[in-house]
Amino acid sequence: VTSRLNDRRRWGIIYCPRIGAVNKIKKWREIRAYLI
């Protein structure tokens, strides 16, 4: 996180793992691949 953003299109993403999830980052990996 930076105090100044040159790219106003940049998203600030907060990832919240699902309650009870065994692999907390599995869903994020799928989302990250699609964002890329």
PDB file of all heavy atoms in Angstrom:
ATOM      1  N   VAL A   1       0.847  -1.187   0.000  1.00  0.00           N
ATOM      2  CA  VAL A   1       0.000   0.000   0.000  1.00  0.00           C
ATOM      3  C   VAL A   1       0.880   1.234   0.000  1.00  0.00           C
ATOM      4  O   VAL A   1       1.806   1.351   0.801  1.00  0.00           O
ATOM      5  CB  VAL A   1      -0.919   0.012   1.231  1.00  0.00           C
ATOM      6  CG1 VAL A   1      -1.763   1.267   1.241  1.00  0.00           C
ATOM      7  CG2 VAL A   1      -1.801  -1.220   1.236  1.00  0.00           C
ATOM      8  N   THR A   2       0.636   2.153  -0.890  1.00  0.00           N
ATOM      9  CA  THR A   2       1.409   3.385  -0.964  1.00  0.00           C
ATOM     10  C   THR A   2       0.508   4.568  -0.663  1.00  0.00           C
ATOM     11  O   THR A   2      -0.706   4.504  -0.801  1.00  0.00           O
ATOM     12  CB  THR A   2       2.033   3.552  -2.368  1.00  0.00           C
ATOM     13  OG1 THR A   2       0.995   3.533  -3.339  1.00  0.00           O
ATOM     14  CG2 THR A   2       3.016   2.428  -2.651  1.00  0.00           C
ATOM     15  N   SER A   3       1.118   5.675  -0.251  1.00  0.00           N
ATOM     16  CA  SER A   3       0.326   6.852   0.120  1.00  0.00           C
ATOM     17  C   SER A   3      -0.131   7.637  -1.100  1.00  0.00           C
ATOM     18  O   SER A   3      -1.053   8.418  -1.027  1.00  0.00           O
ATOM     19  CB  SER A   3       1.141   7.758   1.041  1.00  0.00           C
ATOM     20  OG  SER A   3       2.325   8.161   0.393  1.00  0.00           O
ATOM     21  N   ARG A   4       0.543   7.419  -2.250  1.00  0.00           N
ATOM     22  CA  ARG A   4       0.134   8.095  -3.475  1.00  0.00           C
ATOM     23  C   ARG A   4      -0.026   7.060  -4.582  1.00  0.00           C
ATOM     24  O   ARG A   4       0.771   6.145  -4.715  1.00  0.00           O
ATOM     25  CB  ARG A   4       1.174   9.126  -3.900  1.00  0.00           C
ATOM     26  CG  ARG A   4       1.229  10.348  -2.985  1.00  0.00           C
ATOM     27  CD  ARG A   4       2.158  11.387  -3.573  1.00  0.00           C
ATOM     28  NE  ARG A   4       2.203  12.581  -2.739  1.00  0.00           N
ATOM     29  CZ  ARG A   4       2.928  13.661  -3.049  1.00  0.00           C
ATOM     30  NH1 ARG A   4       3.637  13.694  -4.160  1.00  0.00           N
ATOM     31  NH2 ARG A   4       2.928  14.700  -2.247  1.00  0.00           N
ATOM     32  N   LEU A   5      -1.052   7.236  -5.355  1.00  0.00           N
ATOM     33  CA  LEU A   5      -1.315   6.300  -6.445  1.00  0.00           C
ATOM     34  C   LEU A   5      -1.276   7.034  -7.774  1.00  0.00           C
ATOM     35  O   LEU A   5      -2.041   7.980  -8.000  1.00  0.00           O
ATOM     36  CB  LEU A   5      -2.699   5.651  -6.251  1.00  0.00           C
ATOM     37  CG  LEU A   5      -2.849   4.762  -5.020  1.00  0.00           C
ATOM     38  CD1 LEU A   5      -4.296   4.322  -4.884  1.00  0.00           C
ATOM     39  CD2 LEU A   5      -1.952   3.554  -5.118  1.00  0.00           C
ATOM     40  N   ASN A   6      -0.359   6.614  -8.622  1.00  0.00           N
ATOM     41  CA  ASN A   6      -0.305   7.205  -9.960  1.00  0.00           C
ATOM     42  C   ASN A   6      -1.366   6.608 -10.869  1.00  0.00           C
ATOM     43  O   ASN A   6      -1.824   7.246 -11.809  1.00  0.00           O
ATOM     44  CB  ASN A   6       1.092   6.985 -10.559  1.00  0.00           C
ATOM     45  CG  ASN A   6       2.170   7.733  -9.791  1.00  0.00           C
ATOM     46  OD1 ASN A   6       1.918   8.836  -9.326  1.00  0.00           O
ATOM     47  ND2 ASN A   6       3.342   7.126  -9.639  1.00  0.00           N
ATOM     48  N   ASP A   7      -1.772   5.361 -10.588  1.00  0.00           N
ATOM     49  CA  ASP A   7      -2.765   4.677 -11.407  1.00  0.00           C
ATOM     50  C   ASP A   7      -4.084   4.616 -10.646  1.00  0.00           C
ATOM     51  O   ASP A   7      -4.257   3.807  -9.740  1.00  0.00           O
ATOM     52  CB  ASP A   7      -2.267   3.260 -11.742  1.00  0.00           C
ATOM     53  CG  ASP A   7      -3.214   2.539 -12.692  1.00  0.00           C
ATOM     54  OD1 ASP A   7      -4.249   3.124 -13.051  1.00  0.00           O
ATOM     55  OD2 ASP A   7      -2.914   1.382 -13.053  1.00  0.00           O
ATOM     56  N   ARG A   8      -5.011   5.480 -10.995  1.00  0.00           N
ATOM     57  CA  ARG A   8      -6.283   5.535 -10.282  1.00  0.00           C
ATOM     58  C   ARG A   8      -7.171   4.325 -10.577  1.00  0.00           C
ATOM     59  O   ARG A   8      -8.181   4.129  -9.939  1.00  0.00           O
ATOM     60  CB  ARG A   8      -7.024   6.828 -10.657  1.00  0.00           C
ATOM     61  CG  ARG A   8      -6.346   8.080 -10.128  1.00  0.00           C
ATOM     62  CD  ARG A   8      -6.382   8.136  -8.618  1.00  0.00           C
ATOM     63  NE  ARG A   8      -5.627   9.276  -8.103  1.00  0.00           N
ATOM     64  CZ  ARG A   8      -5.453   9.517  -6.812  1.00  0.00           C
ATOM     65  NH1 ARG A   8      -5.945   8.680  -5.922  1.00  0.00           N
ATOM     66  NH2 ARG A   8      -4.744  10.560  -6.407  1.00  0.00           N
ATOM     67  N   ARG A   9      -6.786   3.542 -11.571  1.00  0.00           N
ATOM     68  CA  ARG A   9      -7.558   2.338 -11.885  1.00  0.00           C
ATOM     69  C   ARG A   9      -7.198   1.169 -10.966  1.00  0.00           C
ATOM     70  O   ARG A   9      -7.867   0.148 -10.969  1.00  0.00           O
ATOM     71  CB  ARG A   9      -7.324   1.935 -13.332  1.00  0.00           C
ATOM     72  CG  ARG A   9      -7.788   2.954 -14.365  1.00  0.00           C
ATOM     73  CD  ARG A   9      -7.291   2.585 -15.734  1.00  0.00           C
ATOM     74  NE  ARG A   9      -5.821   2.535 -15.768  1.00  0.00           N
ATOM     75  CZ  ARG A   9      -5.128   2.104 -16.817  1.00  0.00           C
ATOM     76  NH1 ARG A   9      -5.748   1.692 -17.903  1.00  0.00           N
ATOM     77  NH2 ARG A   9      -3.807   2.093 -16.771  1.00  0.00           N
ATOM     78  N   ARG A  10      -6.138   1.301 -10.212  1.00  0.00           N
ATOM     79  CA  ARG A  10      -5.653   0.205  -9.371  1.00  0.00           C
ATOM     80  C   ARG A  10      -6.654  -0.101  -8.257  1.00  0.00           C
ATOM     81  O   ARG A  10      -7.115   0.789  -7.557  1.00  0.00           O
ATOM     82  CB  ARG A  10      -4.295   0.572  -8.778  1.00  0.00           C
ATOM     83  CG  ARG A  10      -3.659  -0.532  -7.928  1.00  0.00           C
ATOM     84  CD  ARG A  10      -2.285  -0.098  -7.451  1.00  0.00           C
ATOM     85  NE  ARG A  10      -1.358   0.011  -8.558  1.00  0.00           N
ATOM     86  CZ  ARG A  10      -0.630  -0.993  -9.042  1.00  0.00           C
ATOM     87  NH1 ARG A  10      -0.732  -2.202  -8.486  1.00  0.00           N
ATOM     88  NH2 ARG A  10       0.185  -0.808 -10.050  1.00  0.00           N
ATOM     89  N   TRP A  11      -6.970  -1.378  -8.110  1.00  0.00           N
ATOM     90  CA  TRP A  11      -7.886  -1.800  -7.055  1.00  0.00           C
ATOM     91  C   TRP A  11      -7.121  -2.033  -5.754  1.00  0.00           C
ATOM     92  O   TRP A  11      -5.977  -2.506  -5.772  1.00  0.00           O
ATOM     93  CB  TRP A  11      -8.589  -3.102  -7.424  1.00  0.00           C
ATOM     94  CG  TRP A  11      -9.374  -3.092  -8.682  1.00  0.00           C
ATOM     95  CD1 TRP A  11      -9.603  -2.037  -9.527  1.00  0.00           C
ATOM     96  CD2 TRP A  11     -10.043  -4.212  -9.270  1.00  0.00           C
ATOM     97  NE1 TRP A  11     -10.374  -2.417 -10.586  1.00  0.00           N
ATOM     98  CE2 TRP A  11     -10.656  -3.761 -10.465  1.00  0.00           C
ATOM     99  CE3 TRP A  11     -10.180  -5.548  -8.916  1.00  0.00           C
ATOM    100  CZ2 TRP A  11     -11.399  -4.602 -11.288  1.00  0.00           C
ATOM    101  CZ3 TRP A  11     -10.912  -6.394  -9.736  1.00  0.00           C
ATOM    102  CH2 TRP A  11     -11.522  -5.926 -10.905  1.00  0.00           C
ATOM    103  N   GLY A  12      -7.767  -1.750  -4.666  1.00  0.00           N
ATOM    104  CA  GLY A  12      -7.282  -2.178  -3.351  1.00  0.00           C
ATOM    105  C   GLY A  12      -8.127  -3.367  -2.923  1.00  0.00           C
ATOM    106  O   GLY A  12      -9.318  -3.219  -2.636  1.00  0.00           O
ATOM    107  N   ILE A  13      -7.538  -4.570  -2.895  1.00  0.00           N
ATOM    108  CA  ILE A  13      -8.291  -5.797  -2.631  1.00  0.00           C
ATOM    109  C   ILE A  13      -8.025  -6.291  -1.210  1.00  0.00           C
ATOM    110  O   ILE A  13      -6.872  -6.395  -0.780  1.00  0.00           O
ATOM    111  CB  ILE A  13      -7.907  -6.903  -3.639  1.00  0.00           C
ATOM    112  CG1 ILE A  13      -8.260  -6.469  -5.068  1.00  0.00           C
ATOM    113  CG2 ILE A  13      -8.619  -8.205  -3.297  1.00  0.00           C
ATOM    114  CD1 ILE A  13      -7.912  -7.507  -6.129  1.00  0.00           C
ATOM    115  N   ILE A  14      -9.108  -6.592  -0.508  1.00  0.00           N
ATOM    116  CA  ILE A  14      -9.021  -7.222   0.815  1.00  0.00           C
ATOM    117  C   ILE A  14      -9.582  -8.627   0.685  1.00  0.00           C
ATOM    118  O   ILE A  14     -10.758  -8.807   0.345  1.00  0.00           O
ATOM    119  CB  ILE A  14      -9.821  -6.435   1.864  1.00  0.00           C
ATOM    120  CG1 ILE A  14      -9.359  -4.982   1.915  1.00  0.00           C
ATOM    121  CG2 ILE A  14      -9.677  -7.089   3.242  1.00  0.00           C
ATOM    122  CD1 ILE A  14     -10.234  -4.097   2.787  1.00  0.00           C
ATOM    123  N   TYR A  15      -8.751  -9.614   0.947  1.00  0.00           N
ATOM    124  CA  TYR A  15      -9.170 -11.014   0.842  1.00  0.00           C
ATOM    125  C   TYR A  15      -9.480 -11.564   2.229  1.00  0.00           C
ATOM    126  O   TYR A  15      -8.653 -11.515   3.131  1.00  0.00           O
ATOM    127  CB  TYR A  15      -8.082 -11.856   0.184  1.00  0.00           C
ATOM    128  CG  TYR A  15      -8.405 -13.339   0.154  1.00  0.00           C
ATOM    129  CD1 TYR A  15      -9.470 -13.813  -0.600  1.00  0.00           C
ATOM    130  CD2 TYR A  15      -7.658 -14.253   0.895  1.00  0.00           C
ATOM    131  CE1 TYR A  15      -9.782 -15.167  -0.622  1.00  0.00           C
ATOM    132  CE2 TYR A  15      -7.964 -15.603   0.875  1.00  0.00           C
ATOM    133  CZ  TYR A  15      -9.025 -16.054   0.107  1.00  0.00           C
ATOM    134  OH  TYR A  15      -9.335 -17.391   0.091  1.00  0.00           O
ATOM    135  N   CYS A  16     -10.703 -12.083   2.390  1.00  0.00           N
ATOM    136  CA  CYS A  16     -11.149 -12.642   3.666  1.00  0.00           C
ATOM    137  C   CYS A  16     -11.422 -14.132   3.476  1.00  0.00           C
ATOM    138  O   CYS A  16     -12.408 -14.493   2.819  1.00  0.00           O
ATOM    139  CB  CYS A  16     -12.427 -11.952   4.134  1.00  0.00           C
ATOM    140  SG  CYS A  16     -12.344 -10.157   4.052  1.00  0.00           S
ATOM    141  N   PRO A  17     -10.581 -15.007   4.008  1.00  0.00           N
ATOM    142  CA  PRO A  17     -10.811 -16.447   3.870  1.00  0.00           C
ATOM    143  C   PRO A  17     -12.155 -16.847   4.456  1.00  0.00           C
ATOM    144  O   PRO A  17     -12.614 -16.279   5.454  1.00  0.00           O
ATOM    145  CB  PRO A  17      -9.652 -17.076   4.653  1.00  0.00           C
ATOM    146  CG  PRO A  17      -8.602 -16.014   4.684  1.00  0.00           C
ATOM    147  CD  PRO A  17      -9.346 -14.718   4.742  1.00  0.00           C
ATOM    148  N   ARG A  18     -12.794 -17.823   3.842  1.00  0.00           N
ATOM    149  CA  ARG A  18     -14.097 -18.290   4.307  1.00  0.00           C
ATOM    150  C   ARG A  18     -13.958 -19.010   5.640  1.00  0.00           C
ATOM    151  O   ARG A  18     -13.008 -19.762   5.868  1.00  0.00           O
ATOM    152  CB  ARG A  18     -14.712 -19.227   3.271  1.00  0.00           C
ATOM    153  CG  ARG A  18     -16.092 -19.756   3.659  1.00  0.00           C
ATOM    154  CD  ARG A  18     -16.647 -20.696   2.623  1.00  0.00           C
ATOM    155  NE  ARG A  18     -16.919 -20.012   1.372  1.00  0.00           N
ATOM    156  CZ  ARG A  18     -17.408 -20.622   0.294  1.00  0.00           C
ATOM    157  NH1 ARG A  18     -17.636 -21.924   0.319  1.00  0.00           N
ATOM    158  NH2 ARG A  18     -17.636 -19.932  -0.801  1.00  0.00           N
ATOM    159  N   ILE A  19     -14.938 -18.795   6.523  1.00  0.00           N
ATOM    160  CA  ILE A  19     -14.955 -19.491   7.809  1.00  0.00           C
ATOM    161  C   ILE A  19     -15.021 -20.995   7.566  1.00  0.00           C
ATOM    162  O   ILE A  19     -15.848 -21.479   6.800  1.00  0.00           O
ATOM    163  CB  ILE A  19     -16.165 -19.037   8.656  1.00  0.00           C
ATOM    164  CG1 ILE A  19     -16.001 -17.570   9.060  1.00  0.00           C
ATOM    165  CG2 ILE A  19     -16.325 -19.910   9.896  1.00  0.00           C
ATOM    166  CD1 ILE A  19     -17.200 -17.003   9.765  1.00  0.00           C
ATOM    167  N   GLY A  20     -14.142 -21.740   8.221  1.00  0.00           N
ATOM    168  CA  GLY A  20     -14.137 -23.188   8.099  1.00  0.00           C
ATOM    169  C   GLY A  20     -13.335 -23.711   6.932  1.00  0.00           C
ATOM    170  O   GLY A  20     -13.228 -24.927   6.758  1.00  0.00           O
ATOM    171  N   ALA A  21     -12.748 -22.825   6.121  1.00  0.00           N
ATOM    172  CA  ALA A  21     -11.981 -23.272   4.961  1.00  0.00           C
ATOM    173  C   ALA A  21     -10.713 -23.993   5.414  1.00  0.00           C
ATOM    174  O   ALA A  21      -9.997 -23.520   6.294  1.00  0.00           O
ATOM    175  CB  ALA A  21     -11.621 -22.088   4.077  1.00  0.00           C
ATOM    176  N   VAL A  22     -10.438 -25.152   4.815  1.00  0.00           N
ATOM    177  CA  VAL A  22      -9.231 -25.915   5.141  1.00  0.00           C
ATOM    178  C   VAL A  22      -8.020 -25.265   4.483  1.00  0.00           C
ATOM    179  O   VAL A  22      -6.986 -25.049   5.116  1.00  0.00           O
ATOM    180  CB  VAL A  22      -9.380 -27.383   4.692  1.00  0.00           C
ATOM    181  CG1 VAL A  22      -8.090 -28.149   4.949  1.00  0.00           C
ATOM    182  CG2 VAL A  22     -10.552 -28.045   5.414  1.00  0.00           C
ATOM    183  N   ASN A  23      -8.145 -24.948   3.206  1.00  0.00           N
ATOM    184  CA  ASN A  23      -7.076 -24.267   2.467  1.00  0.00           C
ATOM    185  C   ASN A  23      -7.512 -22.820   2.253  1.00  0.00           C
ATOM    186  O   ASN A  23      -8.295 -22.511   1.366  1.00  0.00           O
ATOM    187  CB  ASN A  23      -6.823 -24.963   1.129  1.00  0.00           C
ATOM    188  CG  ASN A  23      -5.613 -24.407   0.407  1.00  0.00           C
ATOM    189  OD1 ASN A  23      -5.158 -23.305   0.693  1.00  0.00           O
ATOM    190  ND2 ASN A  23      -5.097 -25.174  -0.541  1.00  0.00           N
ATOM    191  N   LYS A  24      -6.992 -21.921   3.089  1.00  0.00           N
ATOM    192  CA  LYS A  24      -7.493 -20.558   3.117  1.00  0.00           C
ATOM    193  C   LYS A  24      -7.140 -19.734   1.871  1.00  0.00           C
ATOM    194  O   LYS A  24      -7.770 -18.724   1.600  1.00  0.00           O
ATOM    195  CB  LYS A  24      -6.973 -19.841   4.372  1.00  0.00           C
ATOM    196  CG  LYS A  24      -7.561 -20.390   5.659  1.00  0.00           C
ATOM    197  CD  LYS A  24      -7.102 -19.583   6.847  1.00  0.00           C
ATOM    198  CE  LYS A  24      -7.734 -20.079   8.132  1.00  0.00           C
ATOM    199  NZ  LYS A  24      -9.186 -19.914   8.154  1.00  0.00           N
ATOM    200  N   ILE A  25      -6.100 -20.142   1.141  1.00  0.00           N
ATOM    201  CA  ILE A  25      -5.690 -19.327  -0.013  1.00  0.00           C
ATOM    202  C   ILE A  25      -6.050 -19.963  -1.349  1.00  0.00           C
ATOM    203  O   ILE A  25      -5.744 -19.404  -2.396  1.00  0.00           O
ATOM    204  CB  ILE A  25      -4.174 -19.034   0.030  1.00  0.00           C
ATOM    205  CG1 ILE A  25      -3.373 -20.334  -0.071  1.00  0.00           C
ATOM    206  CG2 ILE A  25      -3.814 -18.243   1.275  1.00  0.00           C
ATOM    207  CD1 ILE A  25      -1.887 -20.083  -0.230  1.00  0.00           C
ATOM    208  N   LYS A  26      -6.706 -21.135  -1.321  1.00  0.00           N
ATOM    209  CA  LYS A  26      -7.064 -21.796  -2.575  1.00  0.00           C
ATOM    210  C   LYS A  26      -7.946 -20.903  -3.436  1.00  0.00           C
ATOM    211  O   LYS A  26      -7.692 -20.740  -4.644  1.00  0.00           O
ATOM    212  CB  LYS A  26      -7.773 -23.117  -2.293  1.00  0.00           C
ATOM    213  CG  LYS A  26      -8.213 -23.855  -3.549  1.00  0.00           C
ATOM    214  CD  LYS A  26      -8.939 -25.140  -3.219  1.00  0.00           C
ATOM    215  CE  LYS A  26      -9.413 -25.839  -4.486  1.00  0.00           C
ATOM    216  NZ  LYS A  26     -10.170 -27.088  -4.181  1.00  0.00           N
ATOM    217  N   LYS A  27      -8.982 -20.315  -2.833  1.00  0.00           N
ATOM    218  CA  LYS A  27      -9.898 -19.457  -3.598  1.00  0.00           C
ATOM    219  C   LYS A  27      -9.160 -18.231  -4.133  1.00  0.00           C
ATOM    220  O   LYS A  27      -9.391 -17.805  -5.274  1.00  0.00           O
ATOM    221  CB  LYS A  27     -11.073 -19.031  -2.703  1.00  0.00           C
ATOM    222  CG  LYS A  27     -12.153 -18.210  -3.413  1.00  0.00           C
ATOM    223  CD  LYS A  27     -12.857 -19.023  -4.473  1.00  0.00           C
ATOM    224  CE  LYS A  27     -14.064 -18.288  -5.059  1.00  0.00           C
ATOM    225  NZ  LYS A  27     -15.180 -18.170  -4.111  1.00  0.00           N
ATOM    226  N   TRP A  28      -8.267 -17.658  -3.320  1.00  0.00           N
ATOM    227  CA  TRP A  28      -7.537 -16.488  -3.781  1.00  0.00           C
ATOM    228  C   TRP A  28      -6.670 -16.817  -4.984  1.00  0.00           C
ATOM    229  O   TRP A  28      -6.548 -16.009  -5.906  1.00  0.00           O
ATOM    230  CB  TRP A  28      -6.692 -15.891  -2.658  1.00  0.00           C
ATOM    231  CG  TRP A  28      -5.731 -14.863  -3.176  1.00  0.00           C
ATOM    232  CD1 TRP A  28      -4.374 -14.910  -3.202  1.00  0.00           C
ATOM    233  CD2 TRP A  28      -6.092 -13.624  -3.815  1.00  0.00           C
ATOM    234  NE1 TRP A  28      -3.850 -13.795  -3.801  1.00  0.00           N
ATOM    235  CE2 TRP A  28      -4.879 -12.984  -4.191  1.00  0.00           C
ATOM    236  CE3 TRP A  28      -7.307 -12.995  -4.109  1.00  0.00           C
ATOM    237  CZ2 TRP A  28      -4.859 -11.758  -4.837  1.00  0.00           C
ATOM    238  CZ3 TRP A  28      -7.274 -11.772  -4.754  1.00  0.00           C
ATOM    239  CH2 TRP A  28      -6.064 -11.152  -5.115  1.00  0.00           C
ATOM    240  N   ARG A  29      -6.050 -17.981  -5.009  1.00  0.00           N
ATOM    241  CA  ARG A  29      -5.224 -18.370  -6.155  1.00  0.00           C
ATOM    242  C   ARG A  29      -6.047 -18.411  -7.437  1.00  0.00           C
ATOM    243  O   ARG A  29      -5.585 -17.987  -8.505  1.00  0.00           O
ATOM    244  CB  ARG A  29      -4.576 -19.727  -5.892  1.00  0.00           C
ATOM    245  CG  ARG A  29      -3.436 -19.693  -4.873  1.00  0.00           C
ATOM    246  CD  ARG A  29      -2.980 -21.089  -4.521  1.00  0.00           C
ATOM    247  NE  ARG A  29      -1.844 -21.059  -3.611  1.00  0.00           N
ATOM    248  CZ  ARG A  29      -1.423 -22.114  -2.923  1.00  0.00           C
ATOM    249  NH1 ARG A  29      -2.052 -23.284  -3.048  1.00  0.00           N
ATOM    250  NH2 ARG A  29      -0.378 -22.005  -2.120  1.00  0.00           N
ATOM    251  N   GLU A  30      -7.270 -18.897  -7.343  1.00  0.00           N
ATOM    252  CA  GLU A  30      -8.139 -18.947  -8.517  1.00  0.00           C
ATOM    253  C   GLU A  30      -8.503 -17.525  -8.974  1.00  0.00           C
ATOM    254  O   GLU A  30      -8.467 -17.225 -10.181  1.00  0.00           O
ATOM    255  CB  GLU A  30      -9.408 -19.729  -8.181  1.00  0.00           C
ATOM    256  CG  GLU A  30      -9.169 -21.195  -7.847  1.00  0.00           C
ATOM    257  CD  GLU A  30     -10.428 -21.885  -7.364  1.00  0.00           C
ATOM    258  OE1 GLU A  30     -11.461 -21.204  -7.210  1.00  0.00           O
ATOM    259  OE2 GLU A  30     -10.378 -23.108  -7.124  1.00  0.00           O
ATOM    260  N   ILE A  31      -8.845 -16.679  -8.010  1.00  0.00           N
ATOM    261  CA  ILE A  31      -9.209 -15.299  -8.343  1.00  0.00           C
ATOM    262  C   ILE A  31      -8.003 -14.559  -8.913  1.00  0.00           C
ATOM    263  O   ILE A  31      -8.109 -13.831  -9.911  1.00  0.00           O
ATOM    264  CB  ILE A  31      -9.758 -14.578  -7.094  1.00  0.00           C
ATOM    265  CG1 ILE A  31     -11.066 -15.236  -6.641  1.00  0.00           C
ATOM    266  CG2 ILE A  31      -9.971 -13.091  -7.373  1.00  0.00           C
ATOM    267  CD1 ILE A  31     -11.553 -14.760  -5.291  1.00  0.00           C
ATOM    268  N   ARG A  32      -6.850 -14.742  -8.304  1.00  0.00           N
ATOM    269  CA  ARG A  32      -5.623 -14.069  -8.771  1.00  0.00           C
ATOM    270  C   ARG A  32      -5.302 -14.442 -10.219  1.00  0.00           C
ATOM    271  O   ARG A  32      -4.944 -13.572 -11.025  1.00  0.00           O
ATOM    272  CB  ARG A  32      -4.457 -14.439  -7.854  1.00  0.00           C
ATOM    273  CG  ARG A  32      -3.133 -13.769  -8.234  1.00  0.00           C
ATOM    274  CD  ARG A  32      -2.034 -14.182  -7.295  1.00  0.00           C
ATOM    275  NE  ARG A  32      -1.817 -15.625  -7.333  1.00  0.00           N
ATOM    276  CZ  ARG A  32      -1.033 -16.282  -6.472  1.00  0.00           C
ATOM    277  NH1 ARG A  32      -0.408 -15.629  -5.504  1.00  0.00           N
ATOM    278  NH2 ARG A  32      -0.880 -17.587  -6.580  1.00  0.00           N
ATOM    279  N   ALA A  33      -5.453 -15.725 -10.537  1.00  0.00           N
ATOM    280  CA  ALA A  33      -5.183 -16.163 -11.913  1.00  0.00           C
ATOM    281  C   ALA A  33      -6.113 -15.464 -12.902  1.00  0.00           C
ATOM    282  O   ALA A  33      -5.687 -15.064 -14.004  1.00  0.00           O
ATOM    283  CB  ALA A  33      -5.338 -17.681 -12.016  1.00  0.00           C
ATOM    284  N   TYR A  34      -7.372 -15.281 -12.513  1.00  0.00           N
ATOM    285  CA  TYR A  34      -8.320 -14.614 -13.407  1.00  0.00           C
ATOM    286  C   TYR A  34      -8.031 -13.122 -13.510  1.00  0.00           C
ATOM    287  O   TYR A  34      -8.172 -12.523 -14.589  1.00  0.00           O
ATOM    288  CB  TYR A  34      -9.747 -14.847 -12.926  1.00  0.00           C
ATOM    289  CG  TYR A  34     -10.799 -14.466 -13.945  1.00  0.00           C
ATOM    290  CD1 TYR A  34     -10.881 -15.138 -15.161  1.00  0.00           C
ATOM    291  CD2 TYR A  34     -11.692 -13.433 -13.699  1.00  0.00           C
ATOM    292  CE1 TYR A  34     -11.831 -14.788 -16.109  1.00  0.00           C
ATOM    293  CE2 TYR A  34     -12.655 -13.076 -14.634  1.00  0.00           C
ATOM    294  CZ  TYR A  34     -12.712 -13.758 -15.835  1.00  0.00           C
ATOM    295  OH  TYR A  34     -13.650 -13.397 -16.776  1.00  0.00           O
ATOM    296  N   LEU A  35      -7.598 -12.496 -12.416  1.00  0.00           N
ATOM    297  CA  LEU A  35      -7.219 -11.085 -12.456  1.00  0.00           C
ATOM    298  C   LEU A  35      -6.041 -10.865 -13.399  1.00  0.00           C
ATOM    299  O   LEU A  35      -6.000  -9.895 -14.165  1.00  0.00           O
ATOM    300  CB  LEU A  35      -6.865 -10.597 -11.048  1.00  0.00           C
ATOM    301  CG  LEU A  35      -8.004 -10.508 -10.030  1.00  0.00           C
ATOM    302  CD1 LEU A  35      -7.450 -10.230  -8.638  1.00  0.00           C
ATOM    303  CD2 LEU A  35      -9.018  -9.441 -10.413  1.00  0.00           C
ATOM    304  N   ILE A  36      -5.065 -11.778 -13.340  1.00  0.00           N
ATOM    305  CA  ILE A  36      -3.907 -11.688 -14.241  1.00  0.00           C
ATOM    306  C   ILE A  36      -4.357 -11.848 -15.689  1.00  0.00           C
ATOM    307  O   ILE A  36      -3.931 -11.107 -16.588  1.00  0.00           O
ATOM    308  CB  ILE A  36      -2.862 -12.753 -13.871  1.00  0.00           C
ATOM    309  CG1 ILE A  36      -2.253 -12.434 -12.491  1.00  0.00           C
ATOM    310  CG2 ILE A  36      -1.763 -12.829 -14.930  1.00  0.00           C
ATOM    311  CD1 ILE A  36      -1.373 -13.526 -11.945  1.00  0.00           C
TER     312      ILE A  36
END
